């Protein structure tokens, strides 16, 4: 499995089941290190892609979602908000 660079602070990977995982970190001098982890099951990826892009299709949108995130510089914080707003199951946690 290869990591996909989403932006300056986040990397994505699809696990062996097709679930999307994105991890990120912020290391700012003088502040505590801050790391986060976002996961969404494969069965909800199309819902997330539709909610964030406005494009609805029955096809597997995994690669389109990644391309959309990269092109539009969307970060996990935005994904969490979209998931909450649209009642899309997801997992999000932070570490210090």
Protein backbone atom coordinates (compact mmCIF):
# COMPACT_ATOMS: atom_id res chain seq x y z
CA UNK A 1 0.00 0.00 0.00
CA UNK A 2 1.35 3.36 -1.01
CA UNK A 3 0.61 6.63 0.75
CA UNK A 4 -0.89 9.44 -1.29
CA UNK A 5 0.17 12.99 -0.43
CA UNK A 6 -3.07 14.98 -0.01
CA UNK A 7 -1.51 18.28 1.12
CA UNK A 8 1.48 19.56 3.10
CA UNK A 9 0.36 17.92 6.35
CA UNK A 10 -1.81 14.92 5.36
CA UNK A 11 -1.33 11.54 3.68
CA UNK A 12 -3.98 9.06 2.58
CA UNK A 13 -4.03 5.33 2.08
CA UNK A 14 -6.68 2.78 1.20
CA UNK A 15 -6.44 -0.30 3.41
CA UNK A 16 -6.86 -3.85 2.13
CA UNK A 17 -10.67 -3.51 2.44
CA UNK A 18 -10.84 -0.24 0.49
CA UNK A 19 -11.43 1.94 3.56
CA UNK A 20 -9.88 5.40 3.33
CA UNK A 21 -7.48 6.47 6.05
CA UNK A 22 -5.92 9.93 6.25
CA UNK A 23 -3.35 10.88 8.84
CA UNK A 24 -1.88 14.27 9.47
CA UNK A 25 0.44 16.15 11.74
CA UNK A 26 1.40 19.66 12.70
CA UNK A 27 4.82 20.39 14.15
CA UNK A 28 5.09 24.07 14.96
CA UNK A 29 8.08 25.27 16.95
CA UNK A 30 7.01 26.41 20.38
CA UNK A 31 3.72 24.47 20.30
CA UNK A 32 2.90 20.88 21.22
CA UNK A 33 2.99 18.42 18.33
CA UNK A 34 -0.50 17.69 17.07
CA UNK A 35 -1.51 14.62 15.04
CA UNK A 36 -4.86 13.38 13.72
CA UNK A 37 -6.40 10.37 12.06
CA UNK A 38 -9.51 10.17 9.88
CA UNK A 39 -11.11 7.01 8.53
CA UNK A 40 -14.18 6.30 6.46
CA UNK A 41 -15.38 2.87 5.42
CA UNK A 42 -15.45 2.01 1.75
CA UNK A 43 -19.25 1.82 1.76
CA UNK A 44 -19.47 5.54 2.69
CA UNK A 45 -16.88 6.92 0.25
CA UNK A 46 -19.46 7.58 -2.48
CA UNK A 47 -21.63 9.46 0.02
CA UNK A 48 -18.68 11.61 1.07
CA UNK A 49 -17.65 12.27 -2.52
CA UNK A 50 -21.21 13.30 -3.46
CA UNK A 51 -21.55 15.52 -0.37
CA UNK A 52 -18.26 17.31 -0.95
CA UNK A 53 -18.30 17.55 -4.76
CA UNK A 54 -22.00 17.73 -5.59
CA UNK A 55 -21.50 14.91 -8.11
CA UNK A 56 -23.68 11.81 -7.65
CA UNK A 57 -22.83 8.53 -9.34
CA UNK A 58 -23.06 4.84 -8.47
CA UNK A 59 -19.49 4.13 -9.51
CA UNK A 60 -16.72 3.63 -6.95
CA UNK A 61 -15.51 7.16 -6.29
CA UNK A 62 -12.36 6.34 -4.28
CA UNK A 63 -9.87 7.72 -6.79
CA UNK A 64 -12.12 10.64 -7.72
CA UNK A 65 -12.40 11.58 -4.05
CA UNK A 66 -8.61 11.60 -3.64
CA UNK A 67 -8.19 13.68 -6.81
CA UNK A 68 -10.86 16.10 -5.60
CA UNK A 69 -9.20 16.48 -2.19
CA UNK A 70 -5.81 17.19 -3.76
CA UNK A 71 -7.10 19.57 -6.44
CA UNK A 72 -9.26 21.56 -4.00
CA UNK A 73 -6.77 21.45 -1.10
CA UNK A 74 -9.38 19.96 1.22
CA UNK A 75 -8.15 18.98 4.66
CA UNK A 76 -9.46 16.44 7.14
CA UNK A 77 -11.07 19.16 9.23
CA UNK A 78 -13.33 19.94 6.26
CA UNK A 79 -14.08 16.23 5.71
CA UNK A 80 -15.14 15.86 9.33
CA UNK A 81 -17.50 18.82 8.99
CA UNK A 82 -19.02 17.44 5.76
CA UNK A 83 -19.48 14.03 7.37
CA UNK A 84 -21.17 15.55 10.42
CA UNK A 85 -23.41 17.80 8.33
CA UNK A 86 -24.49 14.89 6.09
CA UNK A 87 -24.67 12.17 8.77
CA UNK A 88 -21.92 10.14 7.09
CA UNK A 89 -20.30 7.63 9.42
CA UNK A 90 -16.61 8.29 9.98
CA UNK A 91 -13.92 8.08 12.61
CA UNK A 92 -11.74 10.99 13.71
CA UNK A 93 -9.27 11.32 16.55
CA UNK A 94 -6.41 13.58 17.56
CA UNK A 95 -3.18 13.04 19.48
CA UNK A 96 -0.87 15.42 21.30
